[in-house]
Protein backbone atom coordinates (compact mmCIF):
# COMPACT_ATOMS: atom_id res chain seq x y z
CA UNK A 1 0.00 0.00 0.00
CA UNK A 2 2.89 2.34 0.82
CA UNK A 3 4.66 1.44 -2.44
CA UNK A 4 1.51 2.21 -4.46
CA UNK A 5 1.19 5.64 -2.79
CA UNK A 6 4.86 6.39 -3.58
CA UNK A 7 4.43 5.38 -7.22
CA UNK A 8 1.29 7.50 -7.53
CA UNK A 9 3.06 10.55 -6.04
CA UNK A 10 6.00 10.09 -8.45
CA UNK A 11 3.67 9.86 -11.45
CA UNK A 12 1.79 13.04 -10.44
CA UNK A 13 5.05 14.97 -9.92
CA UNK A 14 6.44 13.87 -13.27
CA UNK A 15 3.19 14.79 -14.98
CA UNK A 16 3.20 18.27 -13.50
CA UNK A 17 6.76 18.85 -14.72
CA UNK A 18 5.91 17.72 -18.23
CA UNK A 19 2.77 19.86 -18.29
CA UNK A 20 4.52 23.05 -17.10
CA UNK A 21 4.97 25.88 -19.65
CA UNK A 22 8.17 26.02 -21.59
CA UNK A 23 10.98 28.28 -20.45
CA UNK A 24 10.24 31.79 -21.65
CA UNK A 25 13.99 32.40 -22.11
CA UNK A 26 13.74 35.69 -20.28
CA UNK A 27 17.19 36.98 -19.38
CA UNK A 28 17.78 37.80 -15.74
CA UNK A 29 19.34 41.29 -15.45
CA UNK A 30 22.97 41.02 -14.42
CA UNK A 31 23.25 37.31 -15.21
CA UNK A 32 26.03 36.23 -17.62
CA UNK A 33 24.87 35.56 -21.17
CA UNK A 34 25.24 31.98 -22.43
CA UNK A 35 26.33 31.03 -25.91
CA UNK A 36 24.08 30.00 -28.79
CA UNK A 37 21.29 32.51 -28.99
CA UNK A 38 20.46 36.10 -29.79
CA UNK A 39 19.62 38.48 -26.97
CA UNK A 40 17.27 41.36 -27.66
CA UNK A 41 15.17 43.84 -25.73
CA UNK A 42 11.68 45.21 -26.04
CA UNK A 43 11.44 49.00 -25.84
CA UNK A 44 10.03 51.12 -23.09
CA UNK A 45 8.70 54.63 -23.61
CA UNK A 46 10.38 57.68 -22.16
CA UNK A 47 8.90 61.18 -21.94
CA UNK A 48 11.11 64.12 -22.85
CA UNK A 49 9.91 67.48 -21.56
CA UNK A 50 11.40 70.43 -23.47
CA UNK A 51 11.31 73.83 -21.83
CA UNK A 52 11.95 77.22 -23.43
CA UNK A 53 12.55 80.04 -20.97
CA UNK A 54 13.53 83.71 -21.25
CA UNK A 55 15.82 85.59 -18.88
CA UNK A 56 15.30 89.35 -18.74
CA UNK A 57 18.11 91.30 -17.16
CA UNK A 58 17.33 94.90 -16.14
CA UNK A 59 19.75 97.75 -15.37
CA UNK A 60 18.38 100.93 -13.83
CA UNK A 61 19.05 104.28 -15.50
CA UNK A 62 21.56 106.75 -14.01
CA UNK A 63 18.92 109.49 -13.99
CA UNK A 64 16.07 107.44 -12.48
CA UNK A 65 15.70 109.97 -9.65
CA UNK A 66 14.58 112.65 -12.12
CA UNK A 67 12.22 110.58 -14.26
CA UNK A 68 9.07 111.87 -12.59
CA UNK A 69 10.27 115.43 -12.10
CA UNK A 70 11.55 116.05 -15.63
CA UNK A 71 9.55 113.63 -17.80
CA UNK A 72 6.47 112.84 -15.74
CA UNK A 73 7.32 109.13 -15.62
CA UNK A 74 6.29 107.50 -12.36
CA UNK A 75 7.80 104.36 -10.87
CA UNK A 76 11.20 104.38 -12.54
CA UNK A 77 13.03 101.34 -11.17
CA UNK A 78 15.91 102.18 -8.84
CA UNK A 79 17.66 98.78 -8.70
CA UNK A 80 18.99 96.21 -11.10
CA UNK A 81 17.19 92.90 -11.39
CA UNK A 82 16.71 89.63 -13.23
CA UNK A 83 13.45 87.90 -14.05
CA UNK A 84 12.75 84.54 -15.69
CA UNK A 85 9.66 83.39 -17.53
CA UNK A 86 8.71 80.01 -19.02
CA UNK A 87 7.65 80.67 -22.61
CA UNK A 88 6.85 77.19 -23.89
CA UNK A 89 6.74 73.54 -22.79
CA UNK A 90 6.52 70.64 -25.24
CA UNK A 91 6.24 66.89 -24.67
CA UNK A 92 8.06 64.36 -26.86
CA UNK A 93 8.52 60.59 -26.68
CA UNK A 94 11.64 58.48 -27.02
CA UNK A 95 12.39 54.79 -26.59
CA UNK A 96 15.15 52.80 -24.95
CA UNK A 97 15.71 49.12 -24.07
CA UNK A 98 13.52 47.97 -21.20
CA UNK A 99 15.73 46.23 -18.60
CA UNK A 100 12.70 44.24 -17.43
CA UNK A 101 11.96 42.90 -20.93
CA UNK A 102 15.18 41.25 -22.17
CA UNK A 103 14.88 37.91 -23.98
CA UNK A 104 16.96 35.36 -25.85
CA UNK A 105 15.89 33.33 -28.85
CA UNK A 106 17.77 30.14 -29.69
CA UNK A 107 15.57 28.64 -32.40
CA UNK A 108 15.41 29.35 -36.13
CA UNK A 109 14.37 33.05 -35.71
CA UNK A 110 17.78 33.71 -34.12
CA UNK A 111 19.51 33.75 -37.51
CA UNK A 112 16.90 36.12 -38.99
CA UNK A 113 16.43 38.61 -36.17
CA UNK A 114 17.23 42.31 -36.68
CA UNK A 115 17.97 44.84 -33.94
CA UNK A 116 18.53 48.55 -33.60
CA UNK A 117 21.88 49.90 -32.47
CA UNK A 118 20.74 49.88 -28.85
CA UNK A 119 19.55 46.26 -28.94
CA UNK A 120 15.79 46.62 -29.50
CA UNK A 121 14.19 44.09 -31.81
CA UNK A 122 13.21 45.70 -35.11
CA UNK A 123 12.34 42.79 -37.37
CA UNK A 124 12.70 39.20 -38.47
CA UNK A 125 13.85 38.29 -41.96
CA UNK A 126 14.29 41.93 -42.98
CA UNK A 127 17.23 43.82 -44.41
CA UNK A 128 18.94 45.38 -41.37
CA UNK A 129 18.50 49.13 -40.99
CA UNK A 130 20.93 51.25 -39.04
CA UNK A 131 18.96 53.35 -36.57
CA UNK A 132 21.07 55.40 -34.20
CA UNK A 133 18.97 57.31 -31.66
CA UNK A 134 20.16 60.90 -31.24
CA UNK A 135 21.95 61.86 -28.05
CA UNK A 136 20.19 64.79 -26.38
CA UNK A 137 22.16 66.93 -23.94
CA UNK A 138 20.55 69.03 -21.25
CA UNK A 139 22.59 71.99 -20.04
CA UNK A 140 22.19 74.69 -17.39
CA UNK A 141 24.89 77.01 -18.70
CA UNK A 142 24.03 80.70 -18.81
CA UNK A 143 25.11 83.20 -21.47
CA UNK A 144 27.42 85.83 -19.95
CA UNK A 145 25.57 85.94 -16.63
CA UNK A 146 27.67 88.81 -15.22
CA UNK A 147 28.09 91.04 -18.29
CA UNK A 148 26.95 94.58 -17.38
CA UNK A 149 24.66 96.69 -19.53
CA UNK A 150 26.43 99.89 -20.52
CA UNK A 151 24.81 103.27 -21.11
CA UNK A 152 26.36 105.13 -24.02
CA UNK A 153 26.69 108.90 -23.86
CA UNK A 154 24.53 110.30 -26.67
CA UNK A 155 24.39 113.81 -25.25
CA UNK A 156 24.66 116.77 -27.61
CA UNK A 157 25.73 118.97 -24.70
CA UNK A 158 29.08 119.17 -23.00
CA UNK A 159 29.38 117.61 -19.56
CA UNK A 160 31.25 120.71 -18.44
CA UNK A 161 30.16 124.28 -17.99
CA UNK A 162 32.22 127.40 -18.35
CA UNK A 163 33.87 128.61 -15.17
CA UNK A 164 33.08 131.93 -13.58
CA UNK A 165 35.67 134.55 -12.71
CA UNK A 166 36.38 132.96 -9.34
CA UNK A 167 37.49 129.68 -10.92
CA UNK A 168 40.43 131.09 -12.85
CA UNK A 169 39.15 129.75 -16.16
CA UNK A 170 38.78 126.13 -15.03
CA UNK A 171 35.92 124.03 -16.45
CA UNK A 172 33.30 122.87 -13.98
CA UNK A 173 31.74 119.40 -14.20
CA UNK A 174 27.96 119.52 -14.42
CA UNK A 175 25.95 117.93 -11.66
CA UNK A 176 23.83 114.80 -12.38
CA UNK A 177 20.69 116.93 -12.14
CA UNK A 178 22.02 119.35 -14.78
CA UNK A 179 22.91 116.45 -17.05
CA UNK A 180 19.46 114.91 -16.52
CA UNK A 181 17.82 118.26 -17.37
CA UNK A 182 19.75 118.49 -20.64
CA UNK A 183 18.90 114.87 -21.51
CA UNK A 184 15.20 115.59 -20.86
CA UNK A 185 15.41 118.72 -23.02
CA UNK A 186 16.90 116.66 -25.84
CA UNK A 187 14.05 114.13 -25.58
CA UNK A 188 11.48 116.88 -26.08
CA UNK A 189 13.45 118.26 -29.02
CA UNK A 190 13.54 114.85 -30.67
CA UNK A 191 9.81 114.40 -30.17
CA UNK A 192 9.17 117.81 -31.67
CA UNK A 193 11.40 117.04 -34.67
CA UNK A 194 9.65 113.74 -35.30
CA UNK A 195 6.22 115.34 -35.00
CA UNK A 196 7.12 118.09 -37.45
CA UNK A 197 8.56 115.54 -39.85
CA UNK A 198 5.51 113.27 -39.75
CA UNK A 199 3.04 116.13 -40.10
CA UNK A 200 5.22 118.12 -42.54
CA UNK A 201 4.76 121.14 -40.30
CA UNK A 202 7.34 123.12 -42.28
CA UNK A 203 5.45 122.65 -45.58
CA UNK A 204 8.64 121.59 -47.33
CA UNK A 205 9.12 118.79 -49.88
CA UNK A 206 9.68 115.54 -47.99
CA UNK A 207 12.55 113.19 -48.90
CA UNK A 208 11.88 110.01 -50.85
CA UNK A 209 10.15 107.10 -49.11
CA UNK A 210 13.28 105.21 -47.98
CA UNK A 211 15.06 108.29 -46.63
CA UNK A 212 11.91 109.37 -44.83
CA UNK A 213 11.61 105.94 -43.20
CA UNK A 214 15.27 106.02 -42.11
CA UNK A 215 14.88 109.49 -40.58
CA UNK A 216 11.82 108.50 -38.55
CA UNK A 217 13.49 105.27 -37.38
CA UNK A 218 16.66 107.02 -36.28
CA UNK A 219 14.71 109.66 -34.36
CA UNK A 220 12.90 106.86 -32.53
CA UNK A 221 16.22 105.20 -31.64
CA UNK A 222 17.62 108.46 -30.32
CA UNK A 223 14.59 109.00 -28.09
CA UNK A 224 14.80 105.43 -26.76
CA UNK A 225 18.48 105.87 -25.90
CA UNK A 226 17.80 109.05 -23.94
CA UNK A 227 14.75 107.57 -22.20
CA UNK A 228 16.87 104.63 -21.03
CA UNK A 229 18.93 107.06 -18.97
CA UNK A 230 15.80 107.64 -16.88
CA UNK A 231 13.82 104.39 -17.01
CA UNK A 232 16.68 101.93 -17.50
CA UNK A 233 16.99 99.21 -20.11
CA UNK A 234 16.89 95.44 -20.30
CA UNK A 235 18.22 92.59 -22.39
CA UNK A 236 16.57 89.24 -23.06
CA UNK A 237 18.12 85.84 -23.65
CA UNK A 238 16.33 82.61 -24.48
CA UNK A 239 17.36 79.22 -23.10
CA UNK A 240 16.20 75.70 -23.90
CA UNK A 241 16.22 72.74 -21.53
CA UNK A 242 15.15 69.11 -21.74
CA UNK A 243 14.28 66.62 -19.01
CA UNK A 244 13.78 62.87 -19.46
CA UNK A 245 11.29 60.86 -17.45
CA UNK A 246 10.68 57.09 -17.61
CA UNK A 247 7.19 56.04 -16.44
CA UNK A 248 6.83 52.77 -14.60
CA UNK A 249 4.20 50.27 -15.61
CA UNK A 250 1.76 52.01 -13.29
CA UNK A 251 0.37 55.52 -13.13
CA UNK A 252 2.72 58.35 -12.15
CA UNK A 253 1.50 60.88 -9.63
CA UNK A 254 3.29 64.13 -8.86
CA UNK A 255 6.87 63.20 -9.76
CA UNK A 256 9.12 66.28 -9.90
CA UNK A 257 10.93 66.68 -13.22
CA UNK A 258 12.50 70.12 -12.70
CA UNK A 259 12.16 73.26 -10.59
CA UNK A 260 11.64 76.89 -11.53
CA UNK A 261 12.45 80.19 -9.87
CA UNK A 262 11.55 83.61 -11.24
CA UNK A 263 14.91 84.86 -9.94
CA UNK A 264 17.16 81.95 -10.99
CA UNK A 265 15.27 80.33 -13.85
CA UNK A 266 14.97 76.63 -14.71
CA UNK A 267 16.72 74.43 -12.13
CA UNK A 268 17.40 70.71 -11.61
CA UNK A 269 14.89 68.90 -9.45
CA UNK A 270 17.52 68.57 -6.72
CA UNK A 271 17.75 72.37 -6.30
CA UNK A 272 15.17 73.12 -3.63
CA UNK A 273 15.38 76.90 -4.13
CA UNK A 274 12.79 76.68 -6.94
CA UNK A 275 9.18 75.57 -6.87
CA UNK A 276 8.59 72.05 -8.26
CA UNK A 277 7.20 71.38 -11.72
CA UNK A 278 5.60 67.94 -11.72
CA UNK A 279 4.43 65.32 -14.16
CA UNK A 280 1.28 63.23 -13.76
CA UNK A 281 0.48 60.29 -16.03
CA UNK A 282 -2.97 58.64 -15.92
CA UNK A 283 -3.08 55.15 -17.40
CA UNK A 284 -6.09 54.15 -19.49
CA UNK A 285 -7.03 51.08 -17.43
CA UNK A 286 -9.93 49.88 -19.61
CA UNK A 287 -7.61 49.39 -22.59
CA UNK A 288 -4.91 47.69 -20.51
CA UNK A 289 -7.34 45.21 -18.93
CA UNK A 290 -8.79 44.28 -22.31
CA UNK A 291 -5.31 43.68 -23.72
CA UNK A 292 -4.33 41.54 -20.75
CA UNK A 293 -7.45 39.38 -21.06
CA UNK A 294 -6.79 38.66 -24.73
CA UNK A 295 -3.16 37.70 -24.15
CA UNK A 296 -4.14 35.30 -21.36
CA UNK A 297 -6.97 33.78 -23.36
CA UNK A 298 -5.02 33.16 -26.57
CA UNK A 299 -1.62 31.90 -25.44
CA UNK A 300 -0.80 31.73 -21.75
CA UNK A 301 2.37 29.66 -22.28
CA UNK A 302 5.77 30.95 -23.37
CA UNK A 303 6.75 30.30 -27.01
CA UNK A 304 9.58 27.94 -27.87
CA UNK A 305 10.94 30.58 -30.23
CA UNK A 306 11.48 33.12 -27.46
CA UNK A 307 10.07 35.94 -29.63
CA UNK A 308 7.82 38.52 -27.97
CA UNK A 309 6.26 41.83 -28.91
CA UNK A 310 4.52 44.64 -27.07
CA UNK A 311 1.04 46.07 -27.30
CA UNK A 312 1.33 49.59 -25.84
CA UNK A 313 -1.20 51.23 -23.59
CA UNK A 314 -2.27 54.87 -23.54
CA UNK A 315 -1.51 57.51 -20.94
CA UNK A 316 -2.70 61.06 -20.35
CA UNK A 317 0.28 63.29 -19.52
CA UNK A 318 -0.01 66.53 -17.55
CA UNK A 319 2.73 68.98 -16.56
CA UNK A 320 1.88 71.40 -13.75
CA UNK A 321 3.48 73.56 -11.08
CA UNK A 322 1.05 72.39 -8.43
CA UNK A 323 -1.43 75.17 -9.21
CA UNK A 324 -1.42 75.81 -12.96
CA UNK A 325 -1.45 73.22 -15.73
CA UNK A 326 1.46 74.05 -18.05
CA UNK A 327 1.13 71.36 -20.75
CA UNK A 328 -0.93 68.26 -21.53
CA UNK A 329 -0.68 65.41 -24.01
CA UNK A 330 -2.01 61.93 -24.71
CA UNK A 331 0.38 59.27 -25.98
CA UNK A 332 1.06 55.56 -26.41
CA UNK A 333 3.21 54.24 -23.54
CA UNK A 334 4.81 50.85 -24.20
CA UNK A 335 5.06 49.76 -20.54
CA UNK A 336 1.38 50.61 -19.93
CA UNK A 337 0.36 47.75 -22.24
CA UNK A 338 1.14 44.04 -22.34
CA UNK A 339 3.86 41.71 -23.63
CA UNK A 340 2.59 38.90 -25.87
CA UNK A 341 4.28 35.85 -27.43
CA UNK A 342 4.63 36.03 -31.19
CA UNK A 343 2.76 33.28 -33.11
CA UNK A 344 5.26 30.56 -33.96
CA UNK A 345 3.40 29.70 -37.16
CA UNK A 346 4.70 32.96 -38.62
CA UNK A 347 8.34 32.23 -37.76
CA UNK A 348 9.07 29.47 -40.29
CA UNK A 349 11.04 31.80 -42.57
CA UNK A 350 8.18 32.46 -44.99
CA UNK A 351 7.44 35.97 -43.72
CA UNK A 352 9.19 39.30 -43.34
CA UNK A 353 8.16 40.75 -39.98
CA UNK A 354 8.74 44.33 -38.91
CA UNK A 355 8.52 45.66 -35.37
CA UNK A 356 8.14 49.26 -34.33
CA UNK A 357 11.30 49.95 -32.29
CA UNK A 358 9.61 52.90 -30.54
CA UNK A 359 6.77 50.87 -28.99
CA UNK A 360 7.59 47.22 -29.72
CA UNK A 361 4.39 46.64 -31.71
CA UNK A 362 4.14 44.57 -34.86
CA UNK A 363 4.46 46.98 -37.76
CA UNK A 364 4.11 44.65 -40.73
CA UNK A 365 3.90 40.94 -41.71
CA UNK A 366 4.65 40.33 -45.39
CA UNK A 367 5.00 37.04 -47.30
CA UNK A 368 8.54 36.77 -48.59
CA UNK A 369 8.80 37.20 -52.34
CA UNK A 370 9.90 34.05 -54.12
């Protein structure tokens, strides 16, 4: 009776081993690769956030104290400053090998498999195509951050005044208020000249069209240069940044991708002096569950060929600063979908099969020409 029980247990154990699914030939990360076989990866989707920002650097005018008194301009800024503004945010996708989806095929497809330069499967039985993904560099370098803004002397008056009899003929330097008064007088003269030119107040023949345009433009530049002595002037420089983010297979909630300060501009996420700009990704669960049910229903076992492909899911992407939404998008995310075994009936060498290296989907299945 004991011998019969032992034999029955042995038969059941052997049967369960024979009935178990075949090895899916999935490569364990960090394990040494064995010979005889081709290793490939399925792609995962990365999100690249590109940011365009403008830095405005302001330098106060030397005559700011007299702006209201002599020109009627209120609120002339008395200090230098710097201010940043985010002009535009765009969302792009890129792909890279998924370290959790690395496989090896040892059967007949191994001699027909094609890969991209970074090891992602791109086809079976196709003519290899060289696809080198571009290397994108993010930089935080500033353009001449300390270069001062100079004010050029455009005055038509001397900065000295004639000396009186007590000065023995020496020239006397004019005070800032006297210089400001002469600059204000010049502004009014320029305005009057431009008005008379535009209205032809002198009833004289006007110059030809191009000369007239040049005269008006130059008068406007002269006025702007003199006004800058009172209200200051600024320069603007545009900078571009990019930040890469790899979603997991689940939804992403409030992950910081960079930080922003109106005084210091776009900053790395590790710089806590700026407020965080975050990314949220909502996974479309209905699509993912439907995909998973079909994969399980059609072929739950691993294929002997070791060839797999991806069916990407869809995610809604939102970039925000915690209060305001800065950018939104909707895109296919490879790791939000499912991984499915490729039908072995199509791997007998009779077909040319193309995979999309960005998402891992099947792009085309074509009968080989004879």
